[in-house]
Amino acid sequence: MGPNLSFMDAAASENRKCDSRELKKTTAESSAQATGVKEKNVMKNIYNNPEQSVMESLDSAVVIEDFLPPPSELVKKTQKEKITISIDADCIRFFKIEAEKHNTKYQTMMNEVLSQYARHYAET
């Protein structure tokens, strides 16, 4: 009697799983159909009156300030001067490693650090 009972329990459980899958499938299908109907209505409105649709889109658009500098400001036009300087070996090693990681030149990185330092203390 024990094995038959667990067999019946397993069969009932499987039936519940199938019912659950069918319900999910039916719900998903009806949701997709409803979405499809909405999309068709939206597309009909766009095709019937495209100017109104464009104007509605523009009216609801959000203006974002331009945060990018103009191309002329992307090129640094600073005058460079060549010097001979002695710098600690560990400092040079650090900048060379970091420059390699970021695919740039270590002298450029060092120059940027010095430039920021100079700008900061020139303002105070």
PDB file of N, CA and C in Angstrom:
ATOM      1  N   MET A   1       0.810  -1.184   0.000  1.00  0.00           N
ATOM      2  CA  MET A   1       0.000   0.000   0.000  1.00  0.00           C
ATOM      3  C   MET A   1       0.861   1.258   0.000  1.00  0.00           C
ATOM      4  N   GLY A   2       1.982   1.253   0.716  1.00  0.00           N
ATOM      5  CA  GLY A   2       2.873   2.408   0.792  1.00  0.00           C
ATOM      6  C   GLY A   2       3.381   2.846  -0.566  1.00  0.00           C
ATOM      7  N   PRO A   3       3.915   1.911  -1.428  1.00  0.00           N
ATOM      8  CA  PRO A   3       4.426   2.325  -2.733  1.00  0.00           C
ATOM      9  C   PRO A   3       3.334   2.895  -3.630  1.00  0.00           C
ATOM     10  N   ASN A   4       2.123   2.342  -3.582  1.00  0.00           N
ATOM     11  CA  ASN A   4       1.038   2.855  -4.417  1.00  0.00           C
ATOM     12  C   ASN A   4       0.665   4.275  -4.016  1.00  0.00           C
ATOM     13  N   LEU A   5       0.681   4.533  -2.730  1.00  0.00           N
ATOM     14  CA  LEU A   5       0.321   5.857  -2.240  1.00  0.00           C
ATOM     15  C   LEU A   5       1.320   6.891  -2.749  1.00  0.00           C
ATOM     16  N   SER A   6       2.633   6.588  -2.682  1.00  0.00           N
ATOM     17  CA  SER A   6       3.618   7.554  -3.141  1.00  0.00           C
ATOM     18  C   SER A   6       3.553   7.695  -4.657  1.00  0.00           C
ATOM     19  N   PHE A   7       3.202   6.632  -5.376  1.00  0.00           N
ATOM     20  CA  PHE A   7       3.040   6.715  -6.827  1.00  0.00           C
ATOM     21  C   PHE A   7       1.892   7.660  -7.165  1.00  0.00           C
ATOM     22  N   MET A   8       0.806   7.533  -6.415  1.00  0.00           N
ATOM     23  CA  MET A   8      -0.355   8.393  -6.650  1.00  0.00           C
ATOM     24  C   MET A   8      -0.036   9.835  -6.289  1.00  0.00           C
ATOM     25  N   ASP A   9       0.721  10.015  -5.199  1.00  0.00           N
ATOM     26  CA  ASP A   9       1.129  11.370  -4.824  1.00  0.00           C
ATOM     27  C   ASP A   9       1.993  11.993  -5.910  1.00  0.00           C
ATOM     28  N   ALA A  10       2.902  11.207  -6.459  1.00  0.00           N
ATOM     29  CA  ALA A  10       3.780  11.699  -7.520  1.00  0.00           C
ATOM     30  C   ALA A  10       2.967  12.057  -8.756  1.00  0.00           C
ATOM     31  N   ALA A  11       1.983  11.253  -9.105  1.00  0.00           N
ATOM     32  CA  ALA A  11       1.144  11.523 -10.271  1.00  0.00           C
ATOM     33  C   ALA A  11       0.339  12.807 -10.068  1.00  0.00           C
ATOM     34  N   ALA A  12      -0.198  12.997  -8.862  1.00  0.00           N
ATOM     35  CA  ALA A  12      -0.971  14.208  -8.573  1.00  0.00           C
ATOM     36  C   ALA A  12      -0.073  15.441  -8.630  1.00  0.00           C
ATOM     37  N   SER A  13       1.122  15.293  -8.121  1.00  0.00           N
ATOM     38  CA  SER A  13       2.072  16.402  -8.147  1.00  0.00           C
ATOM     39  C   SER A  13       2.419  16.778  -9.588  1.00  0.00           C
ATOM     40  N   GLU A  14       2.618  15.776 -10.430  1.00  0.00           N
ATOM     41  CA  GLU A  14       2.937  16.020 -11.843  1.00  0.00           C
ATOM     42  C   GLU A  14       1.773  16.715 -12.537  1.00  0.00           C
ATOM     43  N   ASN A  15       0.550  16.327 -12.203  1.00  0.00           N
ATOM     44  CA  ASN A  15      -0.633  16.976 -12.787  1.00  0.00           C
ATOM     45  C   ASN A  15      -0.687  18.451 -12.389  1.00  0.00           C
ATOM     46  N   ARG A  16      -0.363  18.748 -11.132  1.00  0.00           N
ATOM     47  CA  ARG A  16      -0.360  20.143 -10.671  1.00  0.00           C
ATOM     48  C   ARG A  16       0.699  20.947 -11.417  1.00  0.00           C
ATOM     49  N   LYS A  17       1.880  20.346 -11.667  1.00  0.00           N
ATOM     50  CA  LYS A  17       2.945  21.036 -12.406  1.00  0.00           C
ATOM     51  C   LYS A  17       2.489  21.349 -13.825  1.00  0.00           C
ATOM     52  N   CYS A  18       1.829  20.367 -14.473  1.00  0.00           N
ATOM     53  CA  CYS A  18       1.344  20.577 -15.838  1.00  0.00           C
ATOM     54  C   CYS A  18       0.308  21.694 -15.871  1.00  0.00           C
ATOM     55  N   ASP A  19      -0.619  21.687 -14.900  1.00  0.00           N
ATOM     56  CA  ASP A  19      -1.637  22.734 -14.836  1.00  0.00           C
ATOM     57  C   ASP A  19      -0.984  24.106 -14.655  1.00  0.00           C
ATOM     58  N   SER A  20       0.022  24.158 -13.804  1.00  0.00           N
ATOM     59  CA  SER A  20       0.726  25.412 -13.548  1.00  0.00           C
ATOM     60  C   SER A  20       1.426  25.912 -14.808  1.00  0.00           C
ATOM     61  N   ARG A  21       2.073  24.983 -15.552  1.00  0.00           N
ATOM     62  CA  ARG A  21       2.751  25.364 -16.802  1.00  0.00           C
ATOM     63  C   ARG A  21       1.757  25.887 -17.824  1.00  0.00           C
ATOM     64  N   GLU A  22       0.600  25.216 -17.931  1.00  0.00           N
ATOM     65  CA  GLU A  22      -0.426  25.644 -18.893  1.00  0.00           C
ATOM     66  C   GLU A  22      -0.943  27.031 -18.532  1.00  0.00           C
ATOM     67  N   LEU A  23      -1.153  27.285 -17.238  1.00  0.00           N
ATOM     68  CA  LEU A  23      -1.641  28.585 -16.791  1.00  0.00           C
ATOM     69  C   LEU A  23      -0.626  29.674 -17.128  1.00  0.00           C
ATOM     70  N   LYS A  24       0.653  29.406 -16.857  1.00  0.00           N
ATOM     71  CA  LYS A  24       1.698  30.380 -17.178  1.00  0.00           C
ATOM     72  C   LYS A  24       1.750  30.638 -18.671  1.00  0.00           C
ATOM     73  N   LYS A  25       1.649  29.585 -19.473  1.00  0.00           N
ATOM     74  CA  LYS A  25       1.704  29.707 -20.925  1.00  0.00           C
ATOM     75  C   LYS A  25       0.517  30.528 -21.420  1.00  0.00           C
ATOM     76  N   THR A  26      -0.670  30.246 -20.914  1.00  0.00           N
ATOM     77  CA  THR A  26      -1.867  30.970 -21.315  1.00  0.00           C
ATOM     78  C   THR A  26      -1.771  32.435 -20.921  1.00  0.00           C
ATOM     79  N   THR A  27      -1.288  32.702 -19.712  1.00  0.00           N
ATOM     80  CA  THR A  27      -1.130  34.083 -19.239  1.00  0.00           C
ATOM     81  C   THR A  27      -0.132  34.829 -20.102  1.00  0.00           C
ATOM     82  N   ALA A  28       0.983  34.193 -20.417  1.00  0.00           N
ATOM     83  CA  ALA A  28       2.009  34.833 -21.254  1.00  0.00           C
ATOM     84  C   ALA A  28       1.470  35.118 -22.645  1.00  0.00           C
ATOM     85  N   GLU A  29       0.708  34.169 -23.209  1.00  0.00           N
ATOM     86  CA  GLU A  29       0.152  34.366 -24.551  1.00  0.00           C
ATOM     87  C   GLU A  29      -0.839  35.521 -24.569  1.00  0.00           C
ATOM     88  N   SER A  30      -1.718  35.592 -23.567  1.00  0.00           N
ATOM     89  CA  SER A  30      -2.709  36.670 -23.555  1.00  0.00           C
ATOM     90  C   SER A  30      -2.035  38.019 -23.313  1.00  0.00           C
ATOM     91  N   SER A  31      -0.985  38.032 -22.523  1.00  0.00           N
ATOM     92  CA  SER A  31      -0.236  39.272 -22.293  1.00  0.00           C
ATOM     93  C   SER A  31       0.433  39.734 -23.577  1.00  0.00           C
ATOM     94  N   ALA A  32       1.021  38.789 -24.302  1.00  0.00           N
ATOM     95  CA  ALA A  32       1.681  39.117 -25.569  1.00  0.00           C
ATOM     96  C   ALA A  32       0.655  39.628 -26.578  1.00  0.00           C
ATOM     97  N   GLN A  33      -0.541  39.019 -26.602  1.00  0.00           N
ATOM     98  CA  GLN A  33      -1.582  39.469 -27.518  1.00  0.00           C
ATOM     99  C   GLN A  33      -2.033  40.880 -27.170  1.00  0.00           C
ATOM    100  N   ALA A  34      -2.187  41.164 -25.881  1.00  0.00           N
ATOM    101  CA  ALA A  34      -2.603  42.501 -25.448  1.00  0.00           C
ATOM    102  C   ALA A  34      -1.547  43.525 -25.826  1.00  0.00           C
ATOM    103  N   THR A  35      -0.289  43.178 -25.632  1.00  0.00           N
ATOM    104  CA  THR A  35       0.802  44.077 -25.996  1.00  0.00           C
ATOM    105  C   THR A  35       0.815  44.306 -27.497  1.00  0.00           C
ATOM    106  N   GLY A  36       0.611  43.258 -28.259  1.00  0.00           N
ATOM    107  CA  GLY A  36       0.569  43.366 -29.713  1.00  0.00           C
ATOM    108  C   GLY A  36      -0.542  44.293 -30.182  1.00  0.00           C
ATOM    109  N   VAL A  37      -1.699  44.203 -29.539  1.00  0.00           N
ATOM    110  CA  VAL A  37      -2.828  45.073 -29.893  1.00  0.00           C
ATOM    111  C   VAL A  37      -2.464  46.523 -29.595  1.00  0.00           C
ATOM    112  N   LYS A  38      -1.869  46.764 -28.443  1.00  0.00           N
ATOM    113  CA  LYS A  38      -1.470  48.131 -28.084  1.00  0.00           C
ATOM    114  C   LYS A  38      -0.478  48.675 -29.097  1.00  0.00           C
ATOM    115  N   GLU A  39       0.516  47.856 -29.463  1.00  0.00           N
ATOM    116  CA  GLU A  39       1.522  48.301 -30.420  1.00  0.00           C
ATOM    117  C   GLU A  39       0.894  48.595 -31.774  1.00  0.00           C
ATOM    118  N   LYS A  40      -0.059  47.770 -32.206  1.00  0.00           N
ATOM    119  CA  LYS A  40      -0.733  48.024 -33.472  1.00  0.00           C
ATOM    120  C   LYS A  40      -1.465  49.362 -33.423  1.00  0.00           C
ATOM    121  N   ASN A  41      -2.150  49.639 -32.299  1.00  0.00           N
ATOM    122  CA  ASN A  41      -2.875  50.906 -32.160  1.00  0.00           C
ATOM    123  C   ASN A  41      -1.922  52.093 -32.194  1.00  0.00           C
ATOM    124  N   VAL A  42      -0.791  51.977 -31.523  1.00  0.00           N
ATOM    125  CA  VAL A  42       0.199  53.048 -31.524  1.00  0.00           C
ATOM    126  C   VAL A  42       0.712  53.272 -32.932  1.00  0.00           C
ATOM    127  N   MET A  43       1.027  52.190 -33.629  1.00  0.00           N
ATOM    128  CA  MET A  43       1.543  52.299 -34.991  1.00  0.00           C
ATOM    129  C   MET A  43       0.491  52.902 -35.922  1.00  0.00           C
ATOM    130  N   LYS A  44      -0.801  52.543 -35.753  1.00  0.00           N
ATOM    131  CA  LYS A  44      -1.859  53.136 -36.573  1.00  0.00           C
ATOM    132  C   LYS A  44      -1.901  54.639 -36.357  1.00  0.00           C
ATOM    133  N   ASN A  45      -1.801  55.076 -35.099  1.00  0.00           N
ATOM    134  CA  ASN A  45      -1.826  56.509 -34.794  1.00  0.00           C
ATOM    135  C   ASN A  45      -0.645  57.222 -35.443  1.00  0.00           C
ATOM    136  N   ILE A  46       0.511  56.602 -35.418  1.00  0.00           N
ATOM    137  CA  ILE A  46       1.701  57.215 -36.012  1.00  0.00           C
ATOM    138  C   ILE A  46       1.518  57.349 -37.516  1.00  0.00           C
ATOM    139  N   TYR A  47       0.988  56.304 -38.168  1.00  0.00           N
ATOM    140  CA  TYR A  47       0.817  56.349 -39.617  1.00  0.00           C
ATOM    141  C   TYR A  47      -0.331  57.278 -40.024  1.00  0.00           C
ATOM    142  N   ASN A  48      -1.367  57.379 -39.210  1.00  0.00           N
ATOM    143  CA  ASN A  48      -2.502  58.241 -39.544  1.00  0.00           C
ATOM    144  C   ASN A  48      -2.131  59.715 -39.448  1.00  0.00           C
ATOM    145  N   ASN A  49      -1.330  60.071 -38.442  1.00  0.00           N
ATOM    146  CA  ASN A  49      -0.967  61.473 -38.255  1.00  0.00           C
ATOM    147  C   ASN A  49       0.484  61.566 -37.803  1.00  0.00           C
ATOM    148  N   PRO A  50       1.439  61.379 -38.718  1.00  0.00           N
ATOM    149  CA  PRO A  50       2.848  61.354 -38.315  1.00  0.00           C
ATOM    150  C   PRO A  50       3.332  62.679 -37.733  1.00  0.00           C
ATOM    151  N   GLU A  51       2.815  63.812 -38.244  1.00  0.00           N
ATOM    152  CA  GLU A  51       3.260  65.110 -37.728  1.00  0.00           C
ATOM    153  C   GLU A  51       2.876  65.275 -36.259  1.00  0.00           C
ATOM    154  N   GLN A  52       1.661  64.875 -35.916  1.00  0.00           N
ATOM    155  CA  GLN A  52       1.207  64.969 -34.531  1.00  0.00           C
ATOM    156  C   GLN A  52       2.056  64.062 -33.638  1.00  0.00           C
ATOM    157  N   SER A  53       2.367  62.859 -34.112  1.00  0.00           N
ATOM    158  CA  SER A  53       3.176  61.923 -33.332  1.00  0.00           C
ATOM    159  C   SER A  53       4.563  62.492 -33.071  1.00  0.00           C
ATOM    160  N   VAL A  54       5.138  63.121 -34.104  1.00  0.00           N
ATOM    161  CA  VAL A  54       6.465  63.728 -33.932  1.00  0.00           C
ATOM    162  C   VAL A  54       6.378  64.880 -32.937  1.00  0.00           C
ATOM    163  N   MET A  55       5.361  65.718 -33.059  1.00  0.00           N
ATOM    164  CA  MET A  55       5.218  66.857 -32.153  1.00  0.00           C
ATOM    165  C   MET A  55       5.004  66.388 -30.709  1.00  0.00           C
ATOM    166  N   GLU A  56       4.208  65.344 -30.522  1.00  0.00           N
ATOM    167  CA  GLU A  56       3.999  64.805 -29.179  1.00  0.00           C
ATOM    168  C   GLU A  56       5.315  64.283 -28.599  1.00  0.00           C
ATOM    169  N   SER A  57       6.107  63.625 -29.433  1.00  0.00           N
ATOM    170  CA  SER A  57       7.397  63.117 -28.978  1.00  0.00           C
ATOM    171  C   SER A  57       8.325  64.258 -28.599  1.00  0.00           C
ATOM    172  N   LEU A  58       8.341  65.300 -29.418  1.00  0.00           N
ATOM    173  CA  LEU A  58       9.201  66.449 -29.118  1.00  0.00           C
ATOM    174  C   LEU A  58       8.748  67.168 -27.852  1.00  0.00           C
ATOM    175  N   ASP A  59       7.425  67.276 -27.667  1.00  0.00           N
ATOM    176  CA  ASP A  59       6.911  67.934 -26.467  1.00  0.00           C
ATOM    177  C   ASP A  59       7.285  67.190 -25.196  1.00  0.00           C
ATOM    178  N   SER A  60       7.374  65.876 -25.278  1.00  0.00           N
ATOM    179  CA  SER A  60       7.689  65.085 -24.086  1.00  0.00           C
ATOM    180  C   SER A  60       9.189  64.846 -23.927  1.00  0.00           C
ATOM    181  N   ALA A  61       9.985  65.342 -24.892  1.00  0.00           N
ATOM    182  CA  ALA A  61      11.432  65.132 -24.835  1.00  0.00           C
ATOM    183  C   ALA A  61      12.048  65.947 -23.709  1.00  0.00           C
ATOM    184  N   VAL A  62      13.119  65.427 -23.145  1.00  0.00           N
ATOM    185  CA  VAL A  62      13.844  66.100 -22.071  1.00  0.00           C
ATOM    186  C   VAL A  62      15.131  66.662 -22.660  1.00  0.00           C
ATOM    187  N   VAL A  63      15.359  67.949 -22.464  1.00  0.00           N
ATOM    188  CA  VAL A  63      16.561  68.586 -22.974  1.00  0.00           C
ATOM    189  C   VAL A  63      17.705  68.312 -22.012  1.00  0.00           C
ATOM    190  N   ILE A  64      18.804  67.855 -22.553  1.00  0.00           N
ATOM    191  CA  ILE A  64      19.996  67.562 -21.753  1.00  0.00           C
ATOM    192  C   ILE A  64      21.080  68.544 -22.150  1.00  0.00           C
ATOM    193  N   GLU A  65      21.676  69.174 -21.144  1.00  0.00           N
ATOM    194  CA  GLU A  65      22.753  70.114 -21.433  1.00  0.00           C
ATOM    195  C   GLU A  65      23.921  69.392 -22.077  1.00  0.00           C
ATOM    196  N   ASP A  66      24.556  70.069 -23.025  1.00  0.00           N
ATOM    197  CA  ASP A  66      25.730  69.508 -23.683  1.00  0.00           C
ATOM    198  C   ASP A  66      26.881  69.562 -22.689  1.00  0.00           C
ATOM    199  N   PHE A  67      27.383  68.418 -22.299  1.00  0.00           N
ATOM    200  CA  PHE A  67      28.446  68.357 -21.308  1.00  0.00           C
ATOM    201  C   PHE A  67      29.804  68.082 -21.928  1.00  0.00           C
ATOM    202  N   LEU A  68      29.833  67.896 -23.241  1.00  0.00           N
ATOM    203  CA  LEU A  68      31.100  67.615 -23.907  1.00  0.00           C
ATOM    204  C   LEU A  68      31.756  68.916 -24.356  1.00  0.00           C
ATOM    205  N   PRO A  69      33.056  68.992 -24.216  1.00  0.00           N
ATOM    206  CA  PRO A  69      33.734  70.204 -24.687  1.00  0.00           C
ATOM    207  C   PRO A  69      33.780  70.216 -26.215  1.00  0.00           C
ATOM    208  N   PRO A  70      33.905  71.388 -26.805  1.00  0.00           N
ATOM    209  CA  PRO A  70      34.036  71.428 -28.264  1.00  0.00           C
ATOM    210  C   PRO A  70      35.362  70.807 -28.684  1.00  0.00           C
ATOM    211  N   PRO A  71      35.455  70.362 -29.918  1.00  0.00           N
ATOM    212  CA  PRO A  71      36.689  69.708 -30.378  1.00  0.00           C
ATOM    213  C   PRO A  71      37.951  70.534 -30.157  1.00  0.00           C
ATOM    214  N   SER A  72      37.833  71.848 -30.256  1.00  0.00           N
ATOM    215  CA  SER A  72      39.011  72.695 -30.068  1.00  0.00           C
ATOM    216  C   SER A  72      39.595  72.577 -28.661  1.00  0.00           C
ATOM    217  N   GLU A  73      38.741  72.227 -27.689  1.00  0.00           N
ATOM    218  CA  GLU A  73      39.227  72.085 -26.316  1.00  0.00           C
ATOM    219  C   GLU A  73      39.746  70.680 -26.013  1.00  0.00           C
ATOM    220  N   LEU A  74      39.597  69.781 -26.932  1.00  0.00           N
ATOM    221  CA  LEU A  74      40.069  68.415 -26.712  1.00  0.00           C
ATOM    222  C   LEU A  74      41.569  68.287 -26.978  1.00  0.00           C
ATOM    223  N   VAL A  75      42.108  69.217 -27.717  1.00  0.00           N
ATOM    224  CA  VAL A  75      43.533  69.179 -28.043  1.00  0.00           C
ATOM    225  C   VAL A  75      44.252  70.143 -27.117  1.00  0.00           C
ATOM    226  N   LYS A  76      45.187  69.614 -26.348  1.00  0.00           N
ATOM    227  CA  LYS A  76      45.950  70.480 -25.447  1.00  0.00           C
ATOM    228  C   LYS A  76      46.974  71.243 -26.268  1.00  0.00           C
ATOM    229  N   LYS A  77      46.918  72.555 -26.155  1.00  0.00           N
ATOM    230  CA  LYS A  77      47.829  73.407 -26.914  1.00  0.00           C
ATOM    231  C   LYS A  77      48.799  74.095 -25.965  1.00  0.00           C
ATOM    232  N   THR A  78      49.433  73.312 -25.151  1.00  0.00           N
ATOM    233  CA  THR A  78      50.386  73.911 -24.223  1.00  0.00           C
ATOM    234  C   THR A  78      51.790  73.762 -24.778  1.00  0.00           C
ATOM    235  N   GLN A  79      52.575  74.750 -24.498  1.00  0.00           N
ATOM    236  CA  GLN A  79      53.954  74.719 -24.952  1.00  0.00           C
ATOM    237  C   GLN A  79      54.757  73.809 -24.025  1.00  0.00           C
ATOM    238  N   LYS A  80      55.516  72.932 -24.616  1.00  0.00           N
ATOM    239  CA  LYS A  80      56.344  72.000 -23.843  1.00  0.00           C
ATOM    240  C   LYS A  80      57.786  72.491 -23.852  1.00  0.00           C
ATOM    241  N   GLU A  81      58.465  72.179 -22.774  1.00  0.00           N
ATOM    242  CA  GLU A  81      59.880  72.519 -22.673  1.00  0.00           C
ATOM    243  C   GLU A  81      60.624  71.286 -22.217  1.00  0.00           C
ATOM    244  N   LYS A  82      61.649  70.913 -22.942  1.00  0.00           N
ATOM    245  CA  LYS A  82      62.440  69.730 -22.582  1.00  0.00           C
ATOM    246  C   LYS A  82      63.414  70.103 -21.475  1.00  0.00           C
ATOM    247  N   ILE A  83      63.462  69.207 -20.468  1.00  0.00           N
ATOM    248  CA  ILE A  83      64.399  69.395 -19.359  1.00  0.00           C
ATOM    249  C   ILE A  83      65.047  68.064 -19.025  1.00  0.00           C
ATOM    250  N   THR A  84      66.110  68.128 -18.263  1.00  0.00           N
ATOM    251  CA  THR A  84      66.721  66.923 -17.727  1.00  0.00           C
ATOM    252  C   THR A  84      66.448  66.945 -16.235  1.00  0.00           C
ATOM    253  N   ILE A  85      65.899  65.845 -15.730  1.00  0.00           N
ATOM    254  CA  ILE A  85      65.504  65.794 -14.322  1.00  0.00           C
ATOM    255  C   ILE A  85      65.803  64.405 -13.773  1.00  0.00           C
ATOM    256  N   SER A  86      66.167  64.337 -12.526  1.00  0.00           N
ATOM    257  CA  SER A  86      66.379  63.054 -11.846  1.00  0.00           C
ATOM    258  C   SER A  86      65.174  62.777 -10.961  1.00  0.00           C
ATOM    259  N   ILE A  87      64.557  61.611 -11.177  1.00  0.00           N
ATOM    260  CA  ILE A  87      63.359  61.221 -10.424  1.00  0.00           C
ATOM    261  C   ILE A  87      63.616  59.851  -9.816  1.00  0.00           C
ATOM    262  N   ASP A  88      63.096  59.625  -8.622  1.00  0.00           N
ATOM    263  CA  ASP A  88      63.285  58.348  -7.932  1.00  0.00           C
ATOM    264  C   ASP A  88      62.857  57.181  -8.832  1.00  0.00           C
ATOM    265  N   ALA A  89      63.628  56.116  -8.779  1.00  0.00           N
ATOM    266  CA  ALA A  89      63.382  54.945  -9.634  1.00  0.00           C
ATOM    267  C   ALA A  89      62.007  54.330  -9.367  1.00  0.00           C
ATOM    268  N   ASP A  90      61.580  54.268  -8.099  1.00  0.00           N
ATOM    269  CA  ASP A  90      60.274  53.675  -7.795  1.00  0.00           C
ATOM    270  C   ASP A  90      59.134  54.529  -8.349  1.00  0.00           C
ATOM    271  N   CYS A  91      59.335  55.824  -8.399  1.00  0.00           N
ATOM    272  CA  CYS A  91      58.330  56.719  -8.968  1.00  0.00           C
ATOM    273  C   CYS A  91      58.212  56.483 -10.477  1.00  0.00           C
ATOM    274  N   ILE A  92      59.336  56.402 -11.155  1.00  0.00           N
ATOM    275  CA  ILE A  92      59.342  56.138 -12.594  1.00  0.00           C
ATOM    276  C   ILE A  92      58.697  54.787 -12.878  1.00  0.00           C
ATOM    277  N   ARG A  93      59.052  53.780 -12.084  1.00  0.00           N
ATOM    278  CA  ARG A  93      58.509  52.431 -12.269  1.00  0.00           C
ATOM    279  C   ARG A  93      56.975  52.463 -12.133  1.00  0.00           C
ATOM    280  N   PHE A  94      56.482  53.181 -11.114  1.00  0.00           N
ATOM    281  CA  PHE A  94      55.036  53.293 -10.909  1.00  0.00           C
ATOM    282  C   PHE A  94      54.357  53.869 -12.152  1.00  0.00           C
ATOM    283  N   PHE A  95      54.861  54.994 -12.651  1.00  0.00           N
ATOM    284  CA  PHE A  95      54.227  55.630 -13.804  1.00  0.00           C
ATOM    285  C   PHE A  95      54.340  54.778 -15.064  1.00  0.00           C
ATOM    286  N   LYS A  96      55.426  54.075 -15.234  1.00  0.00           N
ATOM    287  CA  LYS A  96      55.556  53.205 -16.410  1.00  0.00           C
ATOM    288  C   LYS A  96      54.533  52.074 -16.360  1.00  0.00           C
ATOM    289  N   ILE A  97      54.356  51.481 -15.199  1.00  0.00           N
ATOM    290  CA  ILE A  97      53.374  50.394 -15.048  1.00  0.00           C
ATOM    291  C   ILE A  97      51.959  50.910 -15.307  1.00  0.00           C
ATOM    292  N   GLU A  98      51.628  52.054 -14.706  1.00  0.00           N
ATOM    293  CA  GLU A  98      50.287  52.619 -14.885  1.00  0.00           C
ATOM    294  C   GLU A  98      50.048  53.046 -16.330  1.00  0.00           C
ATOM    295  N   ALA A  99      51.059  53.618 -16.952  1.00  0.00           N
ATOM    296  CA  ALA A  99      50.933  54.047 -18.345  1.00  0.00           C
ATOM    297  C   ALA A  99      50.684  52.847 -19.255  1.00  0.00           C
ATOM    298  N   GLU A 100      51.368  51.763 -18.993  1.00  0.00           N
ATOM    299  CA  GLU A 100      51.164  50.561 -19.804  1.00  0.00           C
ATOM    300  C   GLU A 100      49.748  50.021 -19.637  1.00  0.00           C
ATOM    301  N   LYS A 101      49.241  50.040 -18.408  1.00  0.00           N
ATOM    302  CA  LYS A 101      47.868  49.580 -18.158  1.00  0.00           C
ATOM    303  C   LYS A 101      46.852  50.400 -18.940  1.00  0.00           C
ATOM    304  N   HIS A 102      47.115  51.699 -19.078  1.00  0.00           N
ATOM    305  CA  HIS A 102      46.157  52.613 -19.696  1.00  0.00           C
ATOM    306  C   HIS A 102      46.543  53.012 -21.121  1.00  0.00           C
ATOM    307  N   ASN A 103      47.526  52.303 -21.661  1.00  0.00           N
ATOM    308  CA  ASN A 103      47.943  52.501 -23.041  1.00  0.00           C
ATOM    309  C   ASN A 103      48.281  53.964 -23.349  1.00  0.00           C
ATOM    310  N   THR A 104      49.120  54.530 -22.516  1.00  0.00           N
ATOM    311  CA  THR A 104      49.565  55.902 -22.718  1.00  0.00           C
ATOM    312  C   THR A 104      51.043  56.011 -22.383  1.00  0.00           C
ATOM    313  N   LYS A 105      51.588  57.195 -22.463  1.00  0.00           N
ATOM    314  CA  LYS A 105      53.002  57.409 -22.162  1.00  0.00           C
ATOM    315  C   LYS A 105      53.163  57.842 -20.706  1.00  0.00           C
ATOM    316  N   TYR A 106      54.206  57.329 -20.062  1.00  0.00           N
ATOM    317  CA  TYR A 106      54.388  57.658 -18.652  1.00  0.00           C
ATOM    318  C   TYR A 106      54.739  59.127 -18.459  1.00  0.00           C
ATOM    319  N   GLN A 107      55.462  59.728 -19.419  1.00  0.00           N
ATOM    320  CA  GLN A 107      55.807  61.138 -19.290  1.00  0.00           C
ATOM    321  C   GLN A 107      54.546  62.017 -19.335  1.00  0.00           C
ATOM    322  N   THR A 108      53.577  61.615 -20.140  1.00  0.00           N
ATOM    323  CA  THR A 108      52.327  62.359 -20.235  1.00  0.00           C
ATOM    324  C   THR A 108      51.583  62.313 -18.908  1.00  0.00           C
ATOM    325  N   MET A 109      51.575  61.151 -18.284  1.00  0.00           N
ATOM    326  CA  MET A 109      50.911  61.016 -16.982  1.00  0.00           C
ATOM    327  C   MET A 109      51.612  61.868 -15.923  1.00  0.00           C
ATOM    328  N   MET A 110      52.917  61.821 -15.918  1.00  0.00           N
ATOM    329  CA  MET A 110      53.673  62.613 -14.938  1.00  0.00           C
ATOM    330  C   MET A 110      53.432  64.107 -15.181  1.00  0.00           C
ATOM    331  N   ASN A 111      53.405  64.515 -16.432  1.00  0.00           N
ATOM    332  CA  ASN A 111      53.152  65.914 -16.761  1.00  0.00           C
ATOM    333  C   ASN A 111      51.779  66.349 -16.258  1.00  0.00           C
ATOM    334  N   GLU A 112      50.778  65.483 -16.411  1.00  0.00           N
ATOM    335  CA  GLU A 112      49.422  65.812 -15.954  1.00  0.00           C
ATOM    336  C   GLU A 112      49.376  65.991 -14.441  1.00  0.00           C
ATOM    337  N   VAL A 113      50.061  65.130 -13.722  1.00  0.00           N
ATOM    338  CA  VAL A 113      50.108  65.259 -12.255  1.00  0.00           C
ATOM    339  C   VAL A 113      50.753  66.589 -11.870  1.00  0.00           C
ATOM    340  N   LEU A 114      51.861  66.904 -12.490  1.00  0.00           N
ATOM    341  CA  LEU A 114      52.554  68.162 -12.189  1.00  0.00           C
ATOM    342  C   LEU A 114      51.700  69.368 -12.583  1.00  0.00           C
ATOM    343  N   SER A 115      51.014  69.284 -13.708  1.00  0.00           N
ATOM    344  CA  SER A 115      50.155  70.389 -14.155  1.00  0.00           C
ATOM    345  C   SER A 115      49.012  70.626 -13.174  1.00  0.00           C
ATOM    346  N   GLN A 116      48.373  69.560 -12.734  1.00  0.00           N
ATOM    347  CA  GLN A 116      47.276  69.712 -11.763  1.00  0.00           C
ATOM    348  C   GLN A 116      47.788  70.292 -10.448  1.00  0.00           C
ATOM    349  N   TYR A 117      48.932  69.841 -10.016  1.00  0.00           N
ATOM    350  CA  TYR A 117      49.543  70.356  -8.782  1.00  0.00           C
ATOM    351  C   TYR A 117      49.813  71.851  -8.932  1.00  0.00           C
ATOM    352  N   ALA A 118      50.409  72.240 -10.052  1.00  0.00           N
ATOM    353  CA  ALA A 118      50.740  73.642 -10.282  1.00  0.00           C
ATOM    354  C   ALA A 118      49.473  74.501 -10.360  1.00  0.00           C
ATOM    355  N   ARG A 119      48.438  74.023 -11.066  1.00  0.00           N
ATOM    356  CA  ARG A 119      47.179  74.784 -11.156  1.00  0.00           C
ATOM    357  C   ARG A 119      46.551  74.956  -9.782  1.00  0.00           C
ATOM    358  N   HIS A 120      46.553  73.906  -8.996  1.00  0.00           N
ATOM    359  CA  HIS A 120      45.959  73.961  -7.668  1.00  0.00           C
ATOM    360  C   HIS A 120      46.629  75.018  -6.793  1.00  0.00           C
ATOM    361  N   TYR A 121      47.934  74.991  -6.752  1.00  0.00           N
ATOM    362  CA  TYR A 121      48.642  75.898  -5.865  1.00  0.00           C
ATOM    363  C   TYR A 121      48.838  77.282  -6.470  1.00  0.00           C
ATOM    364  N   ALA A 122      48.662  77.433  -7.765  1.00  0.00           N
ATOM    365  CA  ALA A 122      48.711  78.753  -8.380  1.00  0.00           C
ATOM    366  C   ALA A 122      47.455  79.545  -8.032  1.00  0.00           C
ATOM    367  N   GLU A 123      46.343  78.842  -7.789  1.00  0.00           N
ATOM    368  CA  GLU A 123      45.071  79.490  -7.457  1.00  0.00           C
ATOM    369  C   GLU A 123      45.004  79.940  -6.000  1.00  0.00           C
ATOM    370  N   THR A 124      45.798  79.336  -5.125  1.00  0.00           N
ATOM    371  CA  THR A 124      45.710  79.682  -3.697  1.00  0.00           C
ATOM    372  C   THR A 124      46.669  80.765  -3.297  1.00  0.00           C
TER     373      THR A 124
END
